């Protein structure tokens, strides 16, 4: 499954020193809790690195889990909401994200995309 928010990601790897894969990731970032149920969880991670917003994910659903800390080597974003939407899209692209976890991610996307008047 694809990440429907990949269009928000800016590929800045050419701006990073070679090899880009060695560029450090953030250790200080904001954790946005998306879902918690027993041992299962979805956390979106957002932070700024070199003036750019970055995103990461930590997740555990059933026996499958993993993730990555935010860092420019994974992509950079124009603003926090774009980084958060991309992380949520990445979660939804994983086959393990089903049921209540999937609904929680979709609800979070809806809350971000809602028009905020005040």
PDB file of N, CA and C in Angstrom:
ATOM      1  N   UNK A   1       0.850  -1.177   0.000  1.00  0.00           N
ATOM      2  CA  UNK A   1       0.000   0.000   0.000  1.00  0.00           C
ATOM      3  C   UNK A   1       0.896   1.240   0.000  1.00  0.00           C
ATOM      4  N   UNK A   2       0.459   2.266  -0.664  1.00  0.00           N
ATOM      5  CA  UNK A   2       1.257   3.479  -0.767  1.00  0.00           C
ATOM      6  C   UNK A   2       0.853   4.522   0.282  1.00  0.00           C
ATOM      7  N   UNK A   3       1.777   5.421   0.540  1.00  0.00           N
ATOM      8  CA  UNK A   3       1.513   6.539   1.441  1.00  0.00           C
ATOM      9  C   UNK A   3       0.858   7.644   0.621  1.00  0.00           C
ATOM     10  N   UNK A   4      -0.395   7.946   0.907  1.00  0.00           N
ATOM     11  CA  UNK A   4      -1.154   8.950   0.156  1.00  0.00           C
ATOM     12  C   UNK A   4      -0.612  10.367   0.362  1.00  0.00           C
ATOM     13  N   UNK A   5       0.280  10.548   1.327  1.00  0.00           N
ATOM     14  CA  UNK A   5       0.833  11.868   1.611  1.00  0.00           C
ATOM     15  C   UNK A   5       2.294  11.998   1.174  1.00  0.00           C
ATOM     16  N   UNK A   6       2.763  11.088   0.313  1.00  0.00           N
ATOM     17  CA  UNK A   6       4.141  11.182  -0.176  1.00  0.00           C
ATOM     18  C   UNK A   6       4.400  12.484  -0.935  1.00  0.00           C
ATOM     19  N   UNK A   7       3.374  13.046  -1.537  1.00  0.00           N
ATOM     20  CA  UNK A   7       3.552  14.291  -2.290  1.00  0.00           C
ATOM     21  C   UNK A   7       3.971  15.462  -1.391  1.00  0.00           C
ATOM     22  N   UNK A   8       3.784  15.339  -0.080  1.00  0.00           N
ATOM     23  CA  UNK A   8       4.165  16.410   0.856  1.00  0.00           C
ATOM     24  C   UNK A   8       5.656  16.376   1.194  1.00  0.00           C
ATOM     25  N   UNK A   9       6.301  15.259   0.928  1.00  0.00           N
ATOM     26  CA  UNK A   9       7.711  15.072   1.299  1.00  0.00           C
ATOM     27  C   UNK A   9       8.626  15.731   0.268  1.00  0.00           C
ATOM     28  N   UNK A  10       9.612  16.443   0.774  1.00  0.00           N
ATOM     29  CA  UNK A  10      10.641  17.062  -0.054  1.00  0.00           C
ATOM     30  C   UNK A  10      11.898  16.223   0.099  1.00  0.00           C
ATOM     31  N   UNK A  11      12.427  15.733  -1.005  1.00  0.00           N
ATOM     32  CA  UNK A  11      13.645  14.915  -0.966  1.00  0.00           C
ATOM     33  C   UNK A  11      14.853  15.846  -0.924  1.00  0.00           C
ATOM     34  N   UNK A  12      15.485  15.937   0.240  1.00  0.00           N
ATOM     35  CA  UNK A  12      16.629  16.818   0.415  1.00  0.00           C
ATOM     36  C   UNK A  12      17.946  16.073   0.526  1.00  0.00           C
ATOM     37  N   UNK A  13      17.976  14.801   0.126  1.00  0.00           N
ATOM     38  CA  UNK A  13      19.192  13.994   0.289  1.00  0.00           C
ATOM     39  C   UNK A  13      20.387  14.575  -0.460  1.00  0.00           C
ATOM     40  N   UNK A  14      20.154  15.233  -1.589  1.00  0.00           N
ATOM     41  CA  UNK A  14      21.272  15.816  -2.362  1.00  0.00           C
ATOM     42  C   UNK A  14      21.910  16.996  -1.625  1.00  0.00           C
ATOM     43  N   UNK A  15      21.188  17.577  -0.675  1.00  0.00           N
ATOM     44  CA  UNK A  15      21.714  18.693   0.113  1.00  0.00           C
ATOM     45  C   UNK A  15      22.552  18.216   1.297  1.00  0.00           C
ATOM     46  N   UNK A  16      22.475  16.924   1.609  1.00  0.00           N
ATOM     47  CA  UNK A  16      23.178  16.368   2.763  1.00  0.00           C
ATOM     48  C   UNK A  16      24.566  15.897   2.350  1.00  0.00           C
ATOM     49  N   UNK A  17      25.512  15.896   3.284  1.00  0.00           N
ATOM     50  CA  UNK A  17      26.841  15.380   2.964  1.00  0.00           C
ATOM     51  C   UNK A  17      26.777  13.885   2.629  1.00  0.00           C
ATOM     52  N   UNK A  18      27.635  13.475   1.724  1.00  0.00           N
ATOM     53  CA  UNK A  18      27.672  12.055   1.330  1.00  0.00           C
ATOM     54  C   UNK A  18      28.398  11.247   2.398  1.00  0.00           C
ATOM     55  N   UNK A  19      27.982  10.042   2.657  1.00  0.00           N
ATOM     56  CA  UNK A  19      26.738   9.432   2.201  1.00  0.00           C
ATOM     57  C   UNK A  19      25.566   9.934   3.037  1.00  0.00           C
ATOM     58  N   UNK A  20      24.468  10.252   2.369  1.00  0.00           N
ATOM     59  CA  UNK A  20      23.307  10.816   3.055  1.00  0.00           C
ATOM     60  C   UNK A  20      22.760   9.871   4.126  1.00  0.00           C
ATOM     61  N   UNK A  21      22.976   8.572   3.945  1.00  0.00           N
ATOM     62  CA  UNK A  21      22.438   7.595   4.896  1.00  0.00           C
ATOM     63  C   UNK A  21      23.095   7.688   6.270  1.00  0.00           C
ATOM     64  N   UNK A  22      24.265   8.325   6.349  1.00  0.00           N
ATOM     65  CA  UNK A  22      24.948   8.500   7.637  1.00  0.00           C
ATOM     66  C   UNK A  22      24.521   9.770   8.367  1.00  0.00           C
ATOM     67  N   UNK A  23      23.658  10.583   7.754  1.00  0.00           N
ATOM     68  CA  UNK A  23      23.232  11.821   8.395  1.00  0.00           C
ATOM     69  C   UNK A  23      22.462  11.477   9.670  1.00  0.00           C
ATOM     70  N   UNK A  24      22.729  12.170  10.761  1.00  0.00           N
ATOM     71  CA  UNK A  24      22.088  11.803  12.037  1.00  0.00           C
ATOM     72  C   UNK A  24      20.585  12.076  12.030  1.00  0.00           C
ATOM     73  N   UNK A  25      19.890  11.306  12.854  1.00  0.00           N
ATOM     74  CA  UNK A  25      18.463  11.538  13.073  1.00  0.00           C
ATOM     75  C   UNK A  25      18.301  12.285  14.390  1.00  0.00           C
ATOM     76  N   UNK A  26      17.129  12.805  14.622  1.00  0.00           N
ATOM     77  CA  UNK A  26      16.866  13.565  15.846  1.00  0.00           C
ATOM     78  C   UNK A  26      16.734  12.636  17.054  1.00  0.00           C
ATOM     79  N   UNK A  27      17.185  13.117  18.182  1.00  0.00           N
ATOM     80  CA  UNK A  27      16.954  12.431  19.454  1.00  0.00           C
ATOM     81  C   UNK A  27      16.004  13.247  20.322  1.00  0.00           C
ATOM     82  N   UNK A  28      15.769  14.505  19.941  1.00  0.00           N
ATOM     83  CA  UNK A  28      14.851  15.388  20.648  1.00  0.00           C
ATOM     84  C   UNK A  28      13.733  15.765  19.678  1.00  0.00           C
ATOM     85  N   UNK A  29      12.536  15.250  19.913  1.00  0.00           N
ATOM     86  CA  UNK A  29      11.415  15.455  19.007  1.00  0.00           C
ATOM     87  C   UNK A  29      10.119  15.359  19.799  1.00  0.00           C
ATOM     88  N   UNK A  30       9.031  15.766  19.161  1.00  0.00           N
ATOM     89  CA  UNK A  30       7.692  15.691  19.762  1.00  0.00           C
ATOM     90  C   UNK A  30       7.060  14.347  19.403  1.00  0.00           C
ATOM     91  N   UNK A  31       6.497  13.682  20.375  1.00  0.00           N
ATOM     92  CA  UNK A  31       5.770  12.437  20.138  1.00  0.00           C
ATOM     93  C   UNK A  31       4.277  12.737  20.153  1.00  0.00           C
ATOM     94  N   UNK A  32       3.607  12.425  19.056  1.00  0.00           N
ATOM     95  CA  UNK A  32       2.164  12.609  18.940  1.00  0.00           C
ATOM     96  C   UNK A  32       1.534  11.220  19.036  1.00  0.00           C
ATOM     97  N   UNK A  33       0.875  10.965  20.144  1.00  0.00           N
ATOM     98  CA  UNK A  33       0.242   9.669  20.355  1.00  0.00           C
ATOM     99  C   UNK A  33      -0.995   9.572  19.468  1.00  0.00           C
ATOM    100  N   UNK A  34      -1.035   8.527  18.666  1.00  0.00           N
ATOM    101  CA  UNK A  34      -2.160   8.307  17.755  1.00  0.00           C
ATOM    102  C   UNK A  34      -3.073   7.212  18.289  1.00  0.00           C
ATOM    103  N   UNK A  35      -2.479   6.155  18.846  1.00  0.00           N
ATOM    104  CA  UNK A  35      -3.262   5.005  19.284  1.00  0.00           C
ATOM    105  C   UNK A  35      -2.532   4.284  20.403  1.00  0.00           C
ATOM    106  N   UNK A  36      -3.283   3.844  21.407  1.00  0.00           N
ATOM    107  CA  UNK A  36      -2.768   3.027  22.504  1.00  0.00           C
ATOM    108  C   UNK A  36      -3.844   2.026  22.904  1.00  0.00           C
ATOM    109  N   UNK A  37      -3.495   0.753  22.894  1.00  0.00           N
ATOM    110  CA  UNK A  37      -4.399  -0.288  23.361  1.00  0.00           C
ATOM    111  C   UNK A  37      -3.545  -1.479  23.777  1.00  0.00           C
ATOM    112  N   UNK A  38      -3.437  -1.676  25.096  1.00  0.00           N
ATOM    113  CA  UNK A  38      -2.582  -2.756  25.584  1.00  0.00           C
ATOM    114  C   UNK A  38      -1.144  -2.538  25.132  1.00  0.00           C
ATOM    115  N   UNK A  39      -0.574  -3.525  24.463  1.00  0.00           N
ATOM    116  CA  UNK A  39       0.798  -3.402  23.946  1.00  0.00           C
ATOM    117  C   UNK A  39       0.860  -2.717  22.583  1.00  0.00           C
ATOM    118  N   UNK A  40      -0.271  -2.551  21.935  1.00  0.00           N
ATOM    119  CA  UNK A  40      -0.304  -1.944  20.606  1.00  0.00           C
ATOM    120  C   UNK A  40      -0.256  -0.426  20.720  1.00  0.00           C
ATOM    121  N   UNK A  41       0.511   0.191  19.826  1.00  0.00           N
ATOM    122  CA  UNK A  41       0.574   1.650  19.823  1.00  0.00           C
ATOM    123  C   UNK A  41       1.013   2.169  18.467  1.00  0.00           C
ATOM    124  N   UNK A  42       0.618   3.413  18.199  1.00  0.00           N
ATOM    125  CA  UNK A  42       1.072   4.175  17.035  1.00  0.00           C
ATOM    126  C   UNK A  42       1.498   5.542  17.542  1.00  0.00           C
ATOM    127  N   UNK A  43       2.735   5.907  17.308  1.00  0.00           N
ATOM    128  CA  UNK A  43       3.244   7.229  17.667  1.00  0.00           C
ATOM    129  C   UNK A  43       3.837   7.884  16.430  1.00  0.00           C
ATOM    130  N   UNK A  44       3.388   9.087  16.133  1.00  0.00           N
ATOM    131  CA  UNK A  44       4.003   9.897  15.086  1.00  0.00           C
ATOM    132  C   UNK A  44       5.020  10.804  15.769  1.00  0.00           C
ATOM    133  N   UNK A  45       6.176  10.956  15.154  1.00  0.00           N
ATOM    134  CA  UNK A  45       7.260  11.752  15.718  1.00  0.00           C
ATOM    135  C   UNK A  45       7.551  12.911  14.776  1.00  0.00           C
ATOM    136  N   UNK A  46       7.585  14.124  15.300  1.00  0.00           N
ATOM    137  CA  UNK A  46       7.890  15.292  14.471  1.00  0.00           C
ATOM    138  C   UNK A  46       8.892  16.174  15.197  1.00  0.00           C
ATOM    139  N   UNK A  47       9.740  16.805  14.418  1.00  0.00           N
ATOM    140  CA  UNK A  47      10.734  17.710  14.980  1.00  0.00           C
ATOM    141  C   UNK A  47      11.397  18.505  13.876  1.00  0.00           C
ATOM    142  N   UNK A  48      12.194  19.470  14.276  1.00  0.00           N
ATOM    143  CA  UNK A  48      12.896  20.285  13.292  1.00  0.00           C
ATOM    144  C   UNK A  48      14.376  19.952  13.295  1.00  0.00           C
ATOM    145  N   UNK A  49      14.929  19.843  12.088  1.00  0.00           N
ATOM    146  CA  UNK A  49      16.351  19.595  11.901  1.00  0.00           C
ATOM    147  C   UNK A  49      16.833  20.529  10.801  1.00  0.00           C
ATOM    148  N   UNK A  50      17.808  21.338  11.121  1.00  0.00           N
ATOM    149  CA  UNK A  50      18.387  22.291  10.159  1.00  0.00           C
ATOM    150  C   UNK A  50      17.331  23.228   9.574  1.00  0.00           C
ATOM    151  N   UNK A  51      16.310  23.565  10.370  1.00  0.00           N
ATOM    152  CA  UNK A  51      15.272  24.480   9.910  1.00  0.00           C
ATOM    153  C   UNK A  51      14.152  23.826   9.128  1.00  0.00           C
ATOM    154  N   UNK A  52      14.223  22.535   8.903  1.00  0.00           N
ATOM    155  CA  UNK A  52      13.177  21.797   8.192  1.00  0.00           C
ATOM    156  C   UNK A  52      12.407  20.921   9.179  1.00  0.00           C
ATOM    157  N   UNK A  53      11.116  20.739   8.922  1.00  0.00           N
ATOM    158  CA  UNK A  53      10.329  19.787   9.697  1.00  0.00           C
ATOM    159  C   UNK A  53      10.628  18.387   9.199  1.00  0.00           C
ATOM    160  N   UNK A  54      10.710  17.445  10.121  1.00  0.00           N
ATOM    161  CA  UNK A  54      10.977  16.050   9.790  1.00  0.00           C
ATOM    162  C   UNK A  54       9.973  15.162  10.521  1.00  0.00           C
ATOM    163  N   UNK A  55       9.848  13.925  10.047  1.00  0.00           N
ATOM    164  CA  UNK A  55       8.872  13.011  10.630  1.00  0.00           C
ATOM    165  C   UNK A  55       9.481  11.636  10.828  1.00  0.00           C
ATOM    166  N   UNK A  56       8.942  10.940  11.814  1.00  0.00           N
ATOM    167  CA  UNK A  56       9.314   9.560  12.077  1.00  0.00           C
ATOM    168  C   UNK A  56       8.122   8.834  12.665  1.00  0.00           C
ATOM    169  N   UNK A  57       8.298   7.559  12.916  1.00  0.00           N
ATOM    170  CA  UNK A  57       7.208   6.723  13.411  1.00  0.00           C
ATOM    171  C   UNK A  57       7.769   5.684  14.370  1.00  0.00           C
ATOM    172  N   UNK A  58       7.056   5.425  15.445  1.00  0.00           N
ATOM    173  CA  UNK A  58       7.276   4.255  16.298  1.00  0.00           C
ATOM    174  C   UNK A  58       5.934   3.561  16.388  1.00  0.00           C
ATOM    175  N   UNK A  59       5.912   2.261  16.132  1.00  0.00           N
ATOM    176  CA  UNK A  59       4.637   1.556  16.165  1.00  0.00           C
ATOM    177  C   UNK A  59       4.824   0.099  16.545  1.00  0.00           C
ATOM    178  N   UNK A  60       3.765  -0.464  17.135  1.00  0.00           N
ATOM    179  CA  UNK A  60       3.706  -1.879  17.482  1.00  0.00           C
ATOM    180  C   UNK A  60       2.252  -2.295  17.346  1.00  0.00           C
ATOM    181  N   UNK A  61       1.983  -3.212  16.445  1.00  0.00           N
ATOM    182  CA  UNK A  61       0.644  -3.762  16.274  1.00  0.00           C
ATOM    183  C   UNK A  61       0.792  -5.276  16.247  1.00  0.00           C
ATOM    184  N   UNK A  62       0.220  -5.944  17.233  1.00  0.00           N
ATOM    185  CA  UNK A  62       0.388  -7.393  17.331  1.00  0.00           C
ATOM    186  C   UNK A  62       1.853  -7.735  17.528  1.00  0.00           C
ATOM    187  N   UNK A  63       2.355  -8.647  16.724  1.00  0.00           N
ATOM    188  CA  UNK A  63       3.754  -9.051  16.849  1.00  0.00           C
ATOM    189  C   UNK A  63       4.670  -8.247  15.933  1.00  0.00           C
ATOM    190  N   UNK A  64       4.112  -7.336  15.139  1.00  0.00           N
ATOM    191  CA  UNK A  64       4.919  -6.529  14.220  1.00  0.00           C
ATOM    192  C   UNK A  64       5.124  -5.138  14.794  1.00  0.00           C
ATOM    193  N   UNK A  65       6.330  -4.651  14.678  1.00  0.00           N
ATOM    194  CA  UNK A  65       6.624  -3.314  15.168  1.00  0.00           C
ATOM    195  C   UNK A  65       7.884  -2.779  14.532  1.00  0.00           C
ATOM    196  N   UNK A  66       8.121  -1.517  14.768  1.00  0.00           N
ATOM    197  CA  UNK A  66       9.322  -0.902  14.231  1.00  0.00           C
ATOM    198  C   UNK A  66       9.154   0.586  14.152  1.00  0.00           C
ATOM    199  N   UNK A  67       9.979   1.179  13.334  1.00  0.00           N
ATOM    200  CA  UNK A  67       9.898   2.610  13.137  1.00  0.00           C
ATOM    201  C   UNK A  67      11.258   3.239  12.958  1.00  0.00           C
ATOM    202  N   UNK A  68      11.264   4.551  12.999  1.00  0.00           N
ATOM    203  CA  UNK A  68      12.478   5.324  12.769  1.00  0.00           C
ATOM    204  C   UNK A  68      12.292   6.710  13.368  1.00  0.00           C
ATOM    205  N   UNK A  69      13.374   7.275  13.855  1.00  0.00           N
ATOM    206  CA  UNK A  69      13.346   8.633  14.400  1.00  0.00           C
ATOM    207  C   UNK A  69      13.325   9.639  13.252  1.00  0.00           C
ATOM    208  N   UNK A  70      12.787  10.834  13.509  1.00  0.00           N
ATOM    209  CA  UNK A  70      12.755  11.856  12.466  1.00  0.00           C
ATOM    210  C   UNK A  70      14.165  12.262  12.054  1.00  0.00           C
ATOM    211  N   UNK A  71      14.327  12.533  10.779  1.00  0.00           N
ATOM    212  CA  UNK A  71      15.601  13.009  10.265  1.00  0.00           C
ATOM    213  C   UNK A  71      15.451  13.423   8.820  1.00  0.00           C
ATOM    214  N   UNK A  72      16.266  14.374   8.394  1.00  0.00           N
ATOM    215  CA  UNK A  72      16.175  14.876   7.023  1.00  0.00           C
ATOM    216  C   UNK A  72      16.473  13.795   5.990  1.00  0.00           C
ATOM    217  N   UNK A  73      17.228  12.779   6.366  1.00  0.00           N
ATOM    218  CA  UNK A  73      17.542  11.743   5.378  1.00  0.00           C
ATOM    219  C   UNK A  73      16.308  10.958   4.960  1.00  0.00           C
ATOM    220  N   UNK A  74      15.248  10.987   5.750  1.00  0.00           N
ATOM    221  CA  UNK A  74      14.004  10.309   5.386  1.00  0.00           C
ATOM    222  C   UNK A  74      13.065  11.228   4.617  1.00  0.00           C
ATOM    223  N   UNK A  75      13.358  12.509   4.598  1.00  0.00           N
ATOM    224  CA  UNK A  75      12.510  13.493   3.932  1.00  0.00           C
ATOM    225  C   UNK A  75      12.299  14.691   4.827  1.00  0.00           C
ATOM    226  N   UNK A  76      12.049  15.813   4.212  1.00  0.00           N
ATOM    227  CA  UNK A  76      11.811  17.045   4.963  1.00  0.00           C
ATOM    228  C   UNK A  76      10.501  17.645   4.486  1.00  0.00           C
ATOM    229  N   UNK A  77       9.929  18.504   5.339  1.00  0.00           N
ATOM    230  CA  UNK A  77       8.587  19.002   5.085  1.00  0.00           C
ATOM    231  C   UNK A  77       8.535  20.504   5.328  1.00  0.00           C
ATOM    232  N   UNK A  78       7.606  21.161   4.640  1.00  0.00           N
ATOM    233  CA  UNK A  78       7.471  22.611   4.748  1.00  0.00           C
ATOM    234  C   UNK A  78       6.935  23.053   6.102  1.00  0.00           C
ATOM    235  N   UNK A  79       6.111  22.201   6.753  1.00  0.00           N
ATOM    236  CA  UNK A  79       5.551  22.587   8.050  1.00  0.00           C
ATOM    237  C   UNK A  79       5.232  21.338   8.880  1.00  0.00           C
ATOM    238  N   UNK A  80       4.861  21.566  10.115  1.00  0.00           N
ATOM    239  CA  UNK A  80       4.598  20.478  11.063  1.00  0.00           C
ATOM    240  C   UNK A  80       3.439  19.598  10.609  1.00  0.00           C
ATOM    241  N   UNK A  81       2.357  20.213  10.158  1.00  0.00           N
ATOM    242  CA  UNK A  81       1.199  19.431   9.737  1.00  0.00           C
ATOM    243  C   UNK A  81       1.542  18.500   8.575  1.00  0.00           C
ATOM    244  N   UNK A  82       2.326  18.967   7.620  1.00  0.00           N
ATOM    245  CA  UNK A  82       2.726  18.113   6.505  1.00  0.00           C
ATOM    246  C   UNK A  82       3.550  16.925   6.999  1.00  0.00           C
ATOM    247  N   UNK A  83       4.461  17.181   7.925  1.00  0.00           N
ATOM    248  CA  UNK A  83       5.268  16.091   8.486  1.00  0.00           C
ATOM    249  C   UNK A  83       4.383  15.087   9.217  1.00  0.00           C
ATOM    250  N   UNK A  84       3.440  15.582   9.984  1.00  0.00           N
ATOM    251  CA  UNK A  84       2.541  14.712  10.740  1.00  0.00           C
ATOM    252  C   UNK A  84       1.631  13.910   9.801  1.00  0.00           C
ATOM    253  N   UNK A  85       1.100  14.548   8.776  1.00  0.00           N
ATOM    254  CA  UNK A  85       0.264  13.833   7.811  1.00  0.00           C
ATOM    255  C   UNK A  85       1.054  12.731   7.109  1.00  0.00           C
ATOM    256  N   UNK A  86       2.296  13.020   6.740  1.00  0.00           N
ATOM    257  CA  UNK A  86       3.117  11.998   6.086  1.00  0.00           C
ATOM    258  C   UNK A  86       3.336  10.804   7.019  1.00  0.00           C
ATOM    259  N   UNK A  87       3.636  11.071   8.292  1.00  0.00           N
ATOM    260  CA  UNK A  87       3.850   9.982   9.254  1.00  0.00           C
ATOM    261  C   UNK A  87       2.583   9.139   9.402  1.00  0.00           C
ATOM    262  N   UNK A  88       1.431   9.780   9.464  1.00  0.00           N
ATOM    263  CA  UNK A  88       0.163   9.054   9.567  1.00  0.00           C
ATOM    264  C   UNK A  88      -0.091   8.229   8.308  1.00  0.00           C
ATOM    265  N   UNK A  89       0.215   8.785   7.155  1.00  0.00           N
ATOM    266  CA  UNK A  89       0.079   8.045   5.905  1.00  0.00           C
ATOM    267  C   UNK A  89       1.002   6.842   5.865  1.00  0.00           C
ATOM    268  N   UNK A  90       2.213   6.995   6.413  1.00  0.00           N
ATOM    269  CA  UNK A  90       3.154   5.869   6.464  1.00  0.00           C
ATOM    270  C   UNK A  90       2.584   4.759   7.333  1.00  0.00           C
ATOM    271  N   UNK A  91       2.001   5.136   8.473  1.00  0.00           N
ATOM    272  CA  UNK A  91       1.377   4.137   9.342  1.00  0.00           C
ATOM    273  C   UNK A  91       0.278   3.377   8.602  1.00  0.00           C
ATOM    274  N   UNK A  92      -0.578   4.120   7.898  1.00  0.00           N
ATOM    275  CA  UNK A  92      -1.688   3.499   7.188  1.00  0.00           C
ATOM    276  C   UNK A  92      -1.212   2.615   6.039  1.00  0.00           C
ATOM    277  N   UNK A  93      -0.023   2.865   5.522  1.00  0.00           N
ATOM    278  CA  UNK A  93       0.492   2.060   4.412  1.00  0.00           C
ATOM    279  C   UNK A  93       1.026   0.701   4.875  1.00  0.00           C
ATOM    280  N   UNK A  94       1.132   0.509   6.177  1.00  0.00           N
ATOM    281  CA  UNK A  94       1.615  -0.759   6.719  1.00  0.00           C
ATOM    282  C   UNK A  94       0.442  -1.729   6.861  1.00  0.00           C
ATOM    283  N   UNK A  95       0.614  -2.945   6.385  1.00  0.00           N
ATOM    284  CA  UNK A  95      -0.485  -3.920   6.382  1.00  0.00           C
ATOM    285  C   UNK A  95      -0.976  -4.266   7.779  1.00  0.00           C
ATOM    286  N   UNK A  96      -0.145  -4.071   8.806  1.00  0.00           N
ATOM    287  CA  UNK A  96      -0.547  -4.399  10.186  1.00  0.00           C
ATOM    288  C   UNK A  96      -1.533  -3.388  10.776  1.00  0.00           C
ATOM    289  N   UNK A  97      -1.616  -2.201  10.192  1.00  0.00           N
ATOM    290  CA  UNK A  97      -2.478  -1.151  10.744  1.00  0.00           C
ATOM    291  C   UNK A  97      -3.911  -1.419  10.318  1.00  0.00           C
ATOM    292  N   UNK A  98      -4.669  -2.056  11.222  1.00  0.00           N
ATOM    293  CA  UNK A  98      -6.054  -2.453  10.942  1.00  0.00           C
ATOM    294  C   UNK A  98      -6.954  -2.051  12.103  1.00  0.00           C
ATOM    295  N   UNK A  99      -8.233  -2.185  11.891  1.00  0.00           N
ATOM    296  CA  UNK A  99      -9.219  -2.018  12.951  1.00  0.00           C
ATOM    297  C   UNK A  99      -9.152  -0.684  13.652  1.00  0.00           C
ATOM    298  N   UNK A 100      -9.115  -0.735  14.978  1.00  0.00           N
ATOM    299  CA  UNK A 100      -9.145   0.472  15.805  1.00  0.00           C
ATOM    300  C   UNK A 100      -7.908   1.339  15.583  1.00  0.00           C
ATOM    301  N   UNK A 101      -6.761   0.721  15.327  1.00  0.00           N
ATOM    302  CA  UNK A 101      -5.536   1.496  15.079  1.00  0.00           C
ATOM    303  C   UNK A 101      -5.682   2.294  13.785  1.00  0.00           C
ATOM    304  N   UNK A 102      -6.205   1.670  12.763  1.00  0.00           N
ATOM    305  CA  UNK A 102      -6.429   2.352  11.485  1.00  0.00           C
ATOM    306  C   UNK A 102      -7.421   3.505  11.656  1.00  0.00           C
ATOM    307  N   UNK A 103      -8.496   3.262  12.381  1.00  0.00           N
ATOM    308  CA  UNK A 103      -9.494   4.309  12.614  1.00  0.00           C
ATOM    309  C   UNK A 103      -8.892   5.483  13.371  1.00  0.00           C
ATOM    310  N   UNK A 104      -8.042   5.199  14.356  1.00  0.00           N
ATOM    311  CA  UNK A 104      -7.399   6.271  15.116  1.00  0.00           C
ATOM    312  C   UNK A 104      -6.516   7.130  14.213  1.00  0.00           C
ATOM    313  N   UNK A 105      -5.774   6.494  13.306  1.00  0.00           N
ATOM    314  CA  UNK A 105      -4.923   7.243  12.378  1.00  0.00           C
ATOM    315  C   UNK A 105      -5.782   8.087  11.432  1.00  0.00           C
ATOM    316  N   UNK A 106      -6.863   7.517  10.922  1.00  0.00           N
ATOM    317  CA  UNK A 106      -7.760   8.268  10.036  1.00  0.00           C
ATOM    318  C   UNK A 106      -8.424   9.436  10.764  1.00  0.00           C
ATOM    319  N   UNK A 107      -8.802   9.226  12.023  1.00  0.00           N
ATOM    320  CA  UNK A 107      -9.392  10.306  12.828  1.00  0.00           C
ATOM    321  C   UNK A 107      -8.389  11.439  13.038  1.00  0.00           C
ATOM    322  N   UNK A 108      -7.126  11.089  13.271  1.00  0.00           N
ATOM    323  CA  UNK A 108      -6.081  12.101  13.467  1.00  0.00           C
ATOM    324  C   UNK A 108      -5.880  12.906  12.181  1.00  0.00           C
ATOM    325  N   UNK A 109      -5.900  12.227  11.049  1.00  0.00           N
ATOM    326  CA  UNK A 109      -5.783  12.919   9.759  1.00  0.00           C
ATOM    327  C   UNK A 109      -6.935  13.890   9.582  1.00  0.00           C
ATOM    328  N   UNK A 110      -8.135  13.439   9.886  1.00  0.00           N
ATOM    329  CA  UNK A 110      -9.307  14.305   9.754  1.00  0.00           C
ATOM    330  C   UNK A 110      -9.198  15.526  10.660  1.00  0.00           C
ATOM    331  N   UNK A 111      -8.707  15.335  11.879  1.00  0.00           N
ATOM    332  CA  UNK A 111      -8.591  16.480  12.795  1.00  0.00           C
ATOM    333  C   UNK A 111      -7.557  17.492  12.301  1.00  0.00           C
ATOM    334  N   UNK A 112      -6.520  17.041  11.627  1.00  0.00           N
ATOM    335  CA  UNK A 112      -5.502  17.953  11.086  1.00  0.00           C
ATOM    336  C   UNK A 112      -6.045  18.705   9.876  1.00  0.00           C
ATOM    337  N   UNK A 113      -6.796  18.007   9.050  1.00  0.00           N
ATOM    338  CA  UNK A 113      -7.259  18.586   7.792  1.00  0.00           C
ATOM    339  C   UNK A 113      -8.518  19.418   7.943  1.00  0.00           C
ATOM    340  N   UNK A 114      -9.136  19.406   9.127  1.00  0.00           N
ATOM    341  CA  UNK A 114     -10.325  20.211   9.372  1.00  0.00           C
ATOM    342  C   UNK A 114      -9.965  21.700   9.278  1.00  0.00           C
ATOM    343  N   UNK A 115     -10.845  22.454   8.677  1.00  0.00           N
ATOM    344  CA  UNK A 115     -10.662  23.894   8.603  1.00  0.00           C
ATOM    345  C   UNK A 115     -10.741  24.476  10.001  1.00  0.00           C
ATOM    346  N   UNK A 116      -9.715  25.184  10.395  1.00  0.00           N
ATOM    347  CA  UNK A 116      -9.681  25.783  11.728  1.00  0.00           C
ATOM    348  C   UNK A 116      -9.961  27.274  11.595  1.00  0.00           C
ATOM    349  N   UNK A 117     -11.115  27.688  12.077  1.00  0.00           N
ATOM    350  CA  UNK A 117     -11.508  29.085  11.976  1.00  0.00           C
ATOM    351  C   UNK A 117     -11.018  29.918  13.151  1.00  0.00           C
ATOM    352  N   UNK A 118     -10.837  29.286  14.305  1.00  0.00           N
ATOM    353  CA  UNK A 118     -10.435  30.034  15.491  1.00  0.00           C
ATOM    354  C   UNK A 118      -9.243  29.393  16.127  1.00  0.00           C
TER     355      UNK A 118
END
